[in-house]
Amino acid sequence: MELDLAGRVAVVTGASRGIGLAVTETLVAEGVHVVAGARKPGRELEELTRAGKAHALAVDLGTADGPGRLVELALNELGRVDILVNNVGAVTPRPNGFLLVTDEEWTRSITLNLLSAVRATRAALPTMVTAGRGSVVTIASINAHLPDPGVIDYSAAKAALVNFTKSVSKEFGPHGVRANAINPGPVATDLWLGTGGVAETVAAGSGATAGAVADEAASHAVTGRFTQPAEVANLAAFLAADRVAGNITGATFTLDGGYTTETH
């Protein structure tokens, strides 16, 4: 399927690894020039930058001005933003329950998982409105509609993120801007499987092994496995493309291998 994305300019947040890196690499393969933001751009982003296929910016997207700085780089270097992929986020399991989650922990979670997208979207929308077209693709989570006390702050932030995306679609749809969200289930990234990731953290509190925790999570998907980052990236690229998704906006796409089949 021809997406007709060549020559477009995209901003991707949280782009150094996992889903964000997969989105960046997928868009680059489609001929998109990507402005990629991460706290520590890794080897892959540096190679894409040297090849002239991307601009990588070391930026803390959890700060008030970080997302705006990333969008500003795209505008200064490339003159516009056609696609914004809000991907940056983080989750910390709360094995001790809601009552021990502090205000500071709530604030950190909401800032990174919600406000980073609010700030990046606010910075990118004016150039999209001027152009009369644009696509905002936001990576949320099945926890947006699957409440989980073990990640209560993350779940609340992701639910708000989906609501925010739908509100943006309503206000800016008449200006040619589309906004959609993807709700992945467990994805085979460091966030879940790496050192200090969800599986390891849950295992430490339960006495299980990280492998057993991951296997248990995968067993809830009817496919019996985690989603791969490239699968999320392919859906994001599809939604970014006006040619194939030009009348899709305000929608939420669940990509979880059937994990939530019985709950949503």
C-alpha atoms as a PDB file:
ATOM      1  CA  MET A   1       0.000   0.000   0.000  1.00  0.00           C
ATOM      2  CA  GLU A   2       1.413   3.376  -1.024  1.00  0.00           C
ATOM      3  CA  LEU A   3       1.179   5.847   1.862  1.00  0.00           C
ATOM      4  CA  ASP A   4       2.443   8.823  -0.150  1.00  0.00           C
ATOM      5  CA  LEU A   5       4.367  10.248   2.800  1.00  0.00           C
ATOM      6  CA  ALA A   6       7.611  11.084   1.000  1.00  0.00           C
ATOM      7  CA  GLY A   7       8.767  14.631   1.622  1.00  0.00           C
ATOM      8  CA  ARG A   8       6.657  15.175   4.728  1.00  0.00           C
ATOM      9  CA  VAL A   9       8.092  16.481   7.991  1.00  0.00           C
ATOM     10  CA  ALA A  10       7.354  14.666  11.246  1.00  0.00           C
ATOM     11  CA  VAL A  11       8.125  15.357  14.883  1.00  0.00           C
ATOM     12  CA  VAL A  12       8.401  12.271  17.089  1.00  0.00           C
ATOM     13  CA  THR A  13       8.741  12.474  20.868  1.00  0.00           C
ATOM     14  CA  GLY A  14      10.480   9.820  22.930  1.00  0.00           C
ATOM     15  CA  ALA A  15      12.238   8.665  19.783  1.00  0.00           C
ATOM     16  CA  SER A  16      15.439   7.031  20.995  1.00  0.00           C
ATOM     17  CA  ARG A  17      14.128   3.530  21.672  1.00  0.00           C
ATOM     18  CA  GLY A  18      11.089   1.277  21.737  1.00  0.00           C
ATOM     19  CA  ILE A  19       7.961   2.471  19.978  1.00  0.00           C
ATOM     20  CA  GLY A  20       9.375   5.938  19.307  1.00  0.00           C
ATOM     21  CA  LEU A  21      12.454   4.594  17.547  1.00  0.00           C
ATOM     22  CA  ALA A  22      10.325   2.165  15.542  1.00  0.00           C
ATOM     23  CA  VAL A  23       8.033   5.021  14.474  1.00  0.00           C
ATOM     24  CA  THR A  24      11.034   7.124  13.487  1.00  0.00           C
ATOM     25  CA  GLU A  25      12.584   4.329  11.425  1.00  0.00           C
ATOM     26  CA  THR A  26       9.264   3.480   9.767  1.00  0.00           C
ATOM     27  CA  LEU A  27       8.576   7.076   8.780  1.00  0.00           C
ATOM     28  CA  VAL A  28      12.119   7.529   7.481  1.00  0.00           C
ATOM     29  CA  ALA A  29      11.652   4.405   5.343  1.00  0.00           C
ATOM     30  CA  GLU A  30       8.562   6.088   3.871  1.00  0.00           C
ATOM     31  CA  GLY A  31      10.607   9.144   2.895  1.00  0.00           C
ATOM     32  CA  VAL A  32       9.606  11.345   5.819  1.00  0.00           C
ATOM     33  CA  HIS A  33      12.173  13.655   7.398  1.00  0.00           C
ATOM     34  CA  VAL A  34      11.875  13.149  11.147  1.00  0.00           C
ATOM     35  CA  VAL A  35      12.766  15.568  13.902  1.00  0.00           C
ATOM     36  CA  ALA A  36      13.290  13.188  16.798  1.00  0.00           C
ATOM     37  CA  GLY A  37      13.395  14.171  20.436  1.00  0.00           C
ATOM     38  CA  ALA A  38      14.699  12.191  23.386  1.00  0.00           C
ATOM     39  CA  ARG A  39      16.567  12.878  26.585  1.00  0.00           C
ATOM     40  CA  LYS A  40      19.516  10.871  25.266  1.00  0.00           C
ATOM     41  CA  PRO A  41      19.430  10.254  21.498  1.00  0.00           C
ATOM     42  CA  GLY A  42      21.069   6.916  20.879  1.00  0.00           C
ATOM     43  CA  ARG A  43      23.229   5.462  18.151  1.00  0.00           C
ATOM     44  CA  GLU A  44      20.324   4.816  15.780  1.00  0.00           C
ATOM     45  CA  LEU A  45      19.135   8.432  15.820  1.00  0.00           C
ATOM     46  CA  GLU A  46      22.676   9.705  15.448  1.00  0.00           C
ATOM     47  CA  GLU A  47      23.155   7.518  12.367  1.00  0.00           C
ATOM     48  CA  LEU A  48      19.912   8.771  10.816  1.00  0.00           C
ATOM     49  CA  THR A  49      21.014  12.339  11.511  1.00  0.00           C
ATOM     50  CA  ARG A  50      24.409  11.791   9.862  1.00  0.00           C
ATOM     51  CA  ALA A  51      22.619  10.307   6.859  1.00  0.00           C
ATOM     52  CA  GLY A  52      20.527  13.468   6.547  1.00  0.00           C
ATOM     53  CA  LYS A  53      17.274  11.611   7.182  1.00  0.00           C
ATOM     54  CA  ALA A  54      16.530  13.017  10.612  1.00  0.00           C
ATOM     55  CA  HIS A  55      17.356  15.733  13.091  1.00  0.00           C
ATOM     56  CA  ALA A  56      17.911  14.436  16.625  1.00  0.00           C
ATOM     57  CA  LEU A  57      17.558  16.743  19.603  1.00  0.00           C
ATOM     58  CA  ALA A  58      18.601  15.934  23.155  1.00  0.00           C
ATOM     59  CA  VAL A  59      15.705  17.394  25.120  1.00  0.00           C
ATOM     60  CA  ASP A  60      13.843  16.732  28.350  1.00  0.00           C
ATOM     61  CA  LEU A  61      10.257  16.401  27.177  1.00  0.00           C
ATOM     62  CA  GLY A  62       9.046  16.445  30.762  1.00  0.00           C
ATOM     63  CA  THR A  63       9.885  20.139  31.086  1.00  0.00           C
ATOM     64  CA  ALA A  64       7.543  22.992  30.261  1.00  0.00           C
ATOM     65  CA  ASP A  65       9.585  24.143  27.268  1.00  0.00           C
ATOM     66  CA  GLY A  66      10.998  20.808  26.035  1.00  0.00           C
ATOM     67  CA  PRO A  67       8.230  19.832  23.585  1.00  0.00           C
ATOM     68  CA  GLY A  68       8.105  23.354  22.188  1.00  0.00           C
ATOM     69  CA  ARG A  69      11.861  23.349  21.599  1.00  0.00           C
ATOM     70  CA  LEU A  70      11.537  20.162  19.566  1.00  0.00           C
ATOM     71  CA  VAL A  71       8.776  21.585  17.384  1.00  0.00           C
ATOM     72  CA  GLU A  72      10.733  24.832  17.039  1.00  0.00           C
ATOM     73  CA  LEU A  73      13.696  22.874  15.658  1.00  0.00           C
ATOM     74  CA  ALA A  74      11.473  21.386  12.964  1.00  0.00           C
ATOM     75  CA  LEU A  75      10.093  24.790  12.038  1.00  0.00           C
ATOM     76  CA  ASN A  76      13.515  26.444  11.967  1.00  0.00           C
ATOM     77  CA  GLU A  77      15.250  23.690   9.992  1.00  0.00           C
ATOM     78  CA  LEU A  78      12.459  22.412   7.745  1.00  0.00           C
ATOM     79  CA  GLY A  79       9.821  25.116   7.763  1.00  0.00           C
ATOM     80  CA  ARG A  80       6.800  23.123   8.861  1.00  0.00           C
ATOM     81  CA  VAL A  81       5.396  20.144  10.740  1.00  0.00           C
ATOM     82  CA  ASP A  82       3.080  17.835   8.805  1.00  0.00           C
ATOM     83  CA  ILE A  83       2.969  14.978  11.308  1.00  0.00           C
ATOM     84  CA  LEU A  84       3.295  14.895  15.083  1.00  0.00           C
ATOM     85  CA  VAL A  85       3.671  11.599  16.911  1.00  0.00           C
ATOM     86  CA  ASN A  86       3.226  12.015  20.657  1.00  0.00           C
ATOM     87  CA  ASN A  87       4.987   8.968  22.014  1.00  0.00           C
ATOM     88  CA  VAL A  88       7.040   9.922  25.060  1.00  0.00           C
ATOM     89  CA  GLY A  89       5.849   8.399  28.310  1.00  0.00           C
ATOM     90  CA  ALA A  90       6.801   6.234  31.255  1.00  0.00           C
ATOM     91  CA  VAL A  91       5.150   3.944  33.759  1.00  0.00           C
ATOM     92  CA  THR A  92       6.122   3.035  37.302  1.00  0.00           C
ATOM     93  CA  PRO A  93       4.248   0.132  38.900  1.00  0.00           C
ATOM     94  CA  ARG A  94       2.710   0.982  42.289  1.00  0.00           C
ATOM     95  CA  PRO A  95       2.792  -2.362  44.135  1.00  0.00           C
ATOM     96  CA  ASN A  96       2.044  -0.728  47.488  1.00  0.00           C
ATOM     97  CA  GLY A  97      -1.284   0.712  46.369  1.00  0.00           C
ATOM     98  CA  PHE A  98      -2.933   4.051  45.734  1.00  0.00           C
ATOM     99  CA  LEU A  99      -2.557   5.450  49.242  1.00  0.00           C
ATOM    100  CA  LEU A 100       1.226   5.457  48.972  1.00  0.00           C
ATOM    101  CA  VAL A 101       1.404   7.235  45.605  1.00  0.00           C
ATOM    102  CA  THR A 102       2.561  10.752  46.443  1.00  0.00           C
ATOM    103  CA  ASP A 103       1.578  14.058  44.880  1.00  0.00           C
ATOM    104  CA  GLU A 104       5.075  14.265  43.423  1.00  0.00           C
ATOM    105  CA  GLU A 105       4.668  10.876  41.740  1.00  0.00           C
ATOM    106  CA  TRP A 106       1.264  11.863  40.366  1.00  0.00           C
ATOM    107  CA  THR A 107       2.717  15.112  39.035  1.00  0.00           C
ATOM    108  CA  ARG A 108       5.651  13.376  37.329  1.00  0.00           C
ATOM    109  CA  SER A 109       3.359  10.850  35.669  1.00  0.00           C
ATOM    110  CA  ILE A 110       0.821  13.395  34.458  1.00  0.00           C
ATOM    111  CA  THR A 111       3.543  15.750  33.251  1.00  0.00           C
ATOM    112  CA  LEU A 112       5.292  13.171  31.080  1.00  0.00           C
ATOM    113  CA  ASN A 113       2.318  11.079  29.977  1.00  0.00           C
ATOM    114  CA  LEU A 114      -0.169  13.899  29.360  1.00  0.00           C
ATOM    115  CA  LEU A 115       1.305  17.390  29.434  1.00  0.00           C
ATOM    116  CA  SER A 116       4.196  16.525  27.101  1.00  0.00           C
ATOM    117  CA  ALA A 117       1.614  15.711  24.413  1.00  0.00           C
ATOM    118  CA  VAL A 118      -0.459  18.783  25.245  1.00  0.00           C
ATOM    119  CA  ARG A 119       2.610  20.998  24.875  1.00  0.00           C
ATOM    120  CA  ALA A 120       3.887  19.395  21.674  1.00  0.00           C
ATOM    121  CA  THR A 121       0.442  19.511  20.084  1.00  0.00           C
ATOM    122  CA  ARG A 122      -0.060  23.135  21.071  1.00  0.00           C
ATOM    123  CA  ALA A 123       3.276  24.029  19.486  1.00  0.00           C
ATOM    124  CA  ALA A 124       2.655  22.108  16.247  1.00  0.00           C
ATOM    125  CA  LEU A 125      -0.970  23.007  15.540  1.00  0.00           C
ATOM    126  CA  PRO A 126      -0.494  26.578  14.251  1.00  0.00           C
ATOM    127  CA  THR A 127       1.683  25.490  11.310  1.00  0.00           C
ATOM    128  CA  MET A 128      -0.747  22.659  10.521  1.00  0.00           C
ATOM    129  CA  VAL A 129      -3.711  25.032  10.565  1.00  0.00           C
ATOM    130  CA  THR A 130      -1.872  27.445   8.282  1.00  0.00           C
ATOM    131  CA  ALA A 131      -1.153  24.602   5.849  1.00  0.00           C
ATOM    132  CA  GLY A 132      -4.728  23.352   6.027  1.00  0.00           C
ATOM    133  CA  ARG A 133      -3.626  19.830   6.833  1.00  0.00           C
ATOM    134  CA  GLY A 134      -1.786  17.810   9.442  1.00  0.00           C
ATOM    135  CA  SER A 135      -1.918  14.617  11.441  1.00  0.00           C
ATOM    136  CA  VAL A 136      -1.421  14.161  15.171  1.00  0.00           C
ATOM    137  CA  VAL A 137      -0.938  10.546  16.246  1.00  0.00           C
ATOM    138  CA  THR A 138      -0.787   9.965  19.978  1.00  0.00           C
ATOM    139  CA  ILE A 139       0.434   6.772  21.605  1.00  0.00           C
ATOM    140  CA  ALA A 140      -1.744   6.139  24.649  1.00  0.00           C
ATOM    141  CA  SER A 141      -2.347   2.719  26.248  1.00  0.00           C
ATOM    142  CA  ILE A 142      -5.017   0.112  26.862  1.00  0.00           C
ATOM    143  CA  ASN A 143      -4.871   1.419  30.418  1.00  0.00           C
ATOM    144  CA  ALA A 144      -6.823   4.403  29.114  1.00  0.00           C
ATOM    145  CA  HIS A 145      -9.867   2.116  29.256  1.00  0.00           C
ATOM    146  CA  LEU A 146      -8.519  -0.687  31.463  1.00  0.00           C
ATOM    147  CA  PRO A 147      -8.212   0.729  34.996  1.00  0.00           C
ATOM    148  CA  ASP A 148      -5.372  -0.855  36.931  1.00  0.00           C
ATOM    149  CA  PRO A 149      -4.595   0.111  40.533  1.00  0.00           C
ATOM    150  CA  GLY A 150      -1.053  -1.130  40.003  1.00  0.00           C
ATOM    151  CA  VAL A 151      -0.439   1.749  37.574  1.00  0.00           C
ATOM    152  CA  ILE A 152      -3.172   4.084  38.760  1.00  0.00           C
ATOM    153  CA  ASP A 153      -1.466   7.377  37.908  1.00  0.00           C
ATOM    154  CA  TYR A 154      -0.361   6.135  34.478  1.00  0.00           C
ATOM    155  CA  SER A 155      -3.865   4.846  33.704  1.00  0.00           C
ATOM    156  CA  ALA A 156      -5.463   8.154  34.664  1.00  0.00           C
ATOM    157  CA  ALA A 157      -2.991  10.117  32.543  1.00  0.00           C
ATOM    158  CA  LYS A 158      -3.554   7.897  29.509  1.00  0.00           C
ATOM    159  CA  ALA A 159      -7.340   8.171  29.846  1.00  0.00           C
ATOM    160  CA  ALA A 160      -6.980  11.945  29.868  1.00  0.00           C
ATOM    161  CA  LEU A 161      -4.662  11.713  26.864  1.00  0.00           C
ATOM    162  CA  VAL A 162      -7.294   9.921  24.787  1.00  0.00           C
ATOM    163  CA  ASN A 163      -9.934  12.457  25.798  1.00  0.00           C
ATOM    164  CA  PHE A 164      -7.549  15.274  24.887  1.00  0.00           C
ATOM    165  CA  THR A 165      -6.922  13.722  21.470  1.00  0.00           C
ATOM    166  CA  LYS A 166     -10.633  13.510  20.723  1.00  0.00           C
ATOM    167  CA  SER A 167     -11.172  17.120  21.795  1.00  0.00           C
ATOM    168  CA  VAL A 168      -8.357  18.280  19.509  1.00  0.00           C
ATOM    169  CA  SER A 169      -9.927  16.354  16.626  1.00  0.00           C
ATOM    170  CA  LYS A 170     -13.216  18.188  17.117  1.00  0.00           C
ATOM    171  CA  GLU A 171     -11.734  21.673  17.288  1.00  0.00           C
ATOM    172  CA  PHE A 172      -9.184  21.352  14.509  1.00  0.00           C
ATOM    173  CA  GLY A 173     -10.873  18.927  12.120  1.00  0.00           C
ATOM    174  CA  PRO A 174     -12.525  21.832  10.268  1.00  0.00           C
ATOM    175  CA  HIS A 175      -9.005  23.194   9.666  1.00  0.00           C
ATOM    176  CA  GLY A 176      -7.823  19.988   7.993  1.00  0.00           C
ATOM    177  CA  VAL A 177      -5.982  18.582  11.003  1.00  0.00           C
ATOM    178  CA  ARG A 178      -6.635  14.989  12.054  1.00  0.00           C
ATOM    179  CA  ALA A 179      -5.958  13.621  15.545  1.00  0.00           C
ATOM    180  CA  ASN A 180      -6.064   9.952  16.503  1.00  0.00           C
ATOM    181  CA  ALA A 181      -4.814   7.762  19.336  1.00  0.00           C
ATOM    182  CA  ILE A 182      -3.331   4.281  19.492  1.00  0.00           C
ATOM    183  CA  ASN A 183      -3.858   2.181  22.612  1.00  0.00           C
ATOM    184  CA  PRO A 184      -1.197  -0.538  22.663  1.00  0.00           C
ATOM    185  CA  GLY A 185      -1.266  -3.394  25.115  1.00  0.00           C
ATOM    186  CA  PRO A 186       2.027  -4.733  26.448  1.00  0.00           C
ATOM    187  CA  VAL A 187       4.744  -4.047  23.874  1.00  0.00           C
ATOM    188  CA  ALA A 188       8.098  -5.818  23.654  1.00  0.00           C
ATOM    189  CA  THR A 189      10.190  -2.817  24.691  1.00  0.00           C
ATOM    190  CA  ASP A 190      12.480  -1.913  27.575  1.00  0.00           C
ATOM    191  CA  LEU A 191       9.537  -0.242  29.291  1.00  0.00           C
ATOM    192  CA  TRP A 192       8.146  -3.725  29.891  1.00  0.00           C
ATOM    193  CA  LEU A 193      11.073  -6.094  29.495  1.00  0.00           C
ATOM    194  CA  GLY A 194      14.221  -4.080  30.214  1.00  0.00           C
ATOM    195  CA  THR A 195      16.176  -3.565  33.409  1.00  0.00           C
ATOM    196  CA  GLY A 196      13.906  -1.772  35.852  1.00  0.00           C
ATOM    197  CA  GLY A 197      10.943  -2.304  33.539  1.00  0.00           C
ATOM    198  CA  VAL A 198       7.420  -3.326  34.456  1.00  0.00           C
ATOM    199  CA  ALA A 199       8.110  -7.070  34.481  1.00  0.00           C
ATOM    200  CA  GLU A 200      11.173  -6.736  36.703  1.00  0.00           C
ATOM    201  CA  THR A 201       9.511  -4.275  39.066  1.00  0.00           C
ATOM    202  CA  VAL A 202       6.386  -6.380  39.487  1.00  0.00           C
ATOM    203  CA  ALA A 203       8.525  -9.480  39.977  1.00  0.00           C
ATOM    204  CA  ALA A 204      10.505  -7.822  42.754  1.00  0.00           C
ATOM    205  CA  GLY A 205       7.312  -7.146  44.673  1.00  0.00           C
ATOM    206  CA  SER A 206       5.658 -10.496  44.086  1.00  0.00           C
ATOM    207  CA  GLY A 207       8.474 -12.997  44.416  1.00  0.00           C
ATOM    208  CA  ALA A 208       8.059 -14.168  40.826  1.00  0.00           C
ATOM    209  CA  THR A 209      10.661 -13.900  38.098  1.00  0.00           C
ATOM    210  CA  ALA A 210      10.550 -11.162  35.479  1.00  0.00           C
ATOM    211  CA  GLY A 211      10.139 -13.831  32.814  1.00  0.00           C
ATOM    212  CA  ALA A 212       7.134 -15.298  34.605  1.00  0.00           C
ATOM    213  CA  VAL A 213       5.530 -11.864  34.921  1.00  0.00           C
ATOM    214  CA  ALA A 214       6.044 -11.213  31.210  1.00  0.00           C
ATOM    215  CA  ASP A 215       4.667 -14.636  30.287  1.00  0.00           C
ATOM    216  CA  GLU A 216       1.595 -14.032  32.435  1.00  0.00           C
ATOM    217  CA  ALA A 217       0.972 -10.679  30.739  1.00  0.00           C
ATOM    218  CA  ALA A 218       1.379 -12.211  27.284  1.00  0.00           C
ATOM    219  CA  SER A 219      -1.049 -14.997  28.157  1.00  0.00           C
ATOM    220  CA  HIS A 220      -3.884 -12.477  28.472  1.00  0.00           C
ATOM    221  CA  ALA A 221      -3.598 -11.663  24.770  1.00  0.00           C
ATOM    222  CA  VAL A 222      -5.516 -14.085  22.569  1.00  0.00           C
ATOM    223  CA  THR A 223      -2.473 -14.102  20.290  1.00  0.00           C
ATOM    224  CA  GLY A 224      -0.360 -15.198  23.256  1.00  0.00           C
ATOM    225  CA  ARG A 225       2.358 -12.613  22.737  1.00  0.00           C
ATOM    226  CA  PHE A 226       3.407  -9.012  23.215  1.00  0.00           C
ATOM    227  CA  THR A 227       2.862  -6.505  20.430  1.00  0.00           C
ATOM    228  CA  GLN A 228       6.060  -5.615  18.564  1.00  0.00           C
ATOM    229  CA  PRO A 229       7.168  -1.963  18.339  1.00  0.00           C
ATOM    230  CA  ALA A 230       7.115  -2.149  14.529  1.00  0.00           C
ATOM    231  CA  GLU A 231       3.436  -3.093  14.622  1.00  0.00           C
ATOM    232  CA  VAL A 232       2.603   0.081  16.525  1.00  0.00           C
ATOM    233  CA  ALA A 233       4.835   2.069  14.170  1.00  0.00           C
ATOM    234  CA  ASN A 234       3.100   0.707  11.078  1.00  0.00           C
ATOM    235  CA  LEU A 235      -0.288   1.767  12.434  1.00  0.00           C
ATOM    236  CA  ALA A 236       1.078   5.202  13.304  1.00  0.00           C
ATOM    237  CA  ALA A 237       2.404   5.627   9.758  1.00  0.00           C
ATOM    238  CA  PHE A 238      -0.961   4.571   8.336  1.00  0.00           C
ATOM    239  CA  LEU A 239      -2.782   7.131  10.469  1.00  0.00           C
ATOM    240  CA  ALA A 240      -0.285   9.822   9.493  1.00  0.00           C
ATOM    241  CA  ALA A 241      -0.999   9.322   5.794  1.00  0.00           C
ATOM    242  CA  ASP A 242      -3.758  11.483   4.311  1.00  0.00           C
ATOM    243  CA  ARG A 243      -3.921   9.233   1.272  1.00  0.00           C
ATOM    244  CA  VAL A 244      -5.195   6.210   3.199  1.00  0.00           C
ATOM    245  CA  ALA A 245      -6.488   7.738   6.448  1.00  0.00           C
ATOM    246  CA  GLY A 246      -7.677  11.129   5.255  1.00  0.00           C
ATOM    247  CA  ASN A 247     -11.127  10.820   6.807  1.00  0.00           C
ATOM    248  CA  ILE A 248     -10.040   9.116  10.030  1.00  0.00           C
ATOM    249  CA  THR A 249     -10.005  11.463  13.001  1.00  0.00           C
ATOM    250  CA  GLY A 250     -11.089  11.393  16.612  1.00  0.00           C
ATOM    251  CA  ALA A 251     -10.585   7.637  16.623  1.00  0.00           C
ATOM    252  CA  THR A 252      -8.842   5.313  19.047  1.00  0.00           C
ATOM    253  CA  PHE A 253      -7.221   2.119  17.799  1.00  0.00           C
ATOM    254  CA  THR A 254      -6.579  -0.730  20.221  1.00  0.00           C
ATOM    255  CA  LEU A 255      -3.516  -2.796  19.342  1.00  0.00           C
ATOM    256  CA  ASP A 256      -3.187  -5.439  22.026  1.00  0.00           C
ATOM    257  CA  GLY A 257      -3.493  -8.905  20.512  1.00  0.00           C
ATOM    258  CA  GLY A 258      -6.975  -9.204  21.963  1.00  0.00           C
ATOM    259  CA  TYR A 259      -5.812  -8.476  25.520  1.00  0.00           C
ATOM    260  CA  THR A 260      -8.940  -6.431  26.248  1.00  0.00           C
ATOM    261  CA  THR A 261     -11.394  -8.426  24.118  1.00  0.00           C
ATOM    262  CA  GLU A 262     -13.574  -9.209  27.119  1.00  0.00           C
ATOM    263  CA  THR A 263     -13.398  -5.780  28.738  1.00  0.00           C
ATOM    264  CA  HIS A 264     -13.815  -3.308  25.900  1.00  0.00           C
END
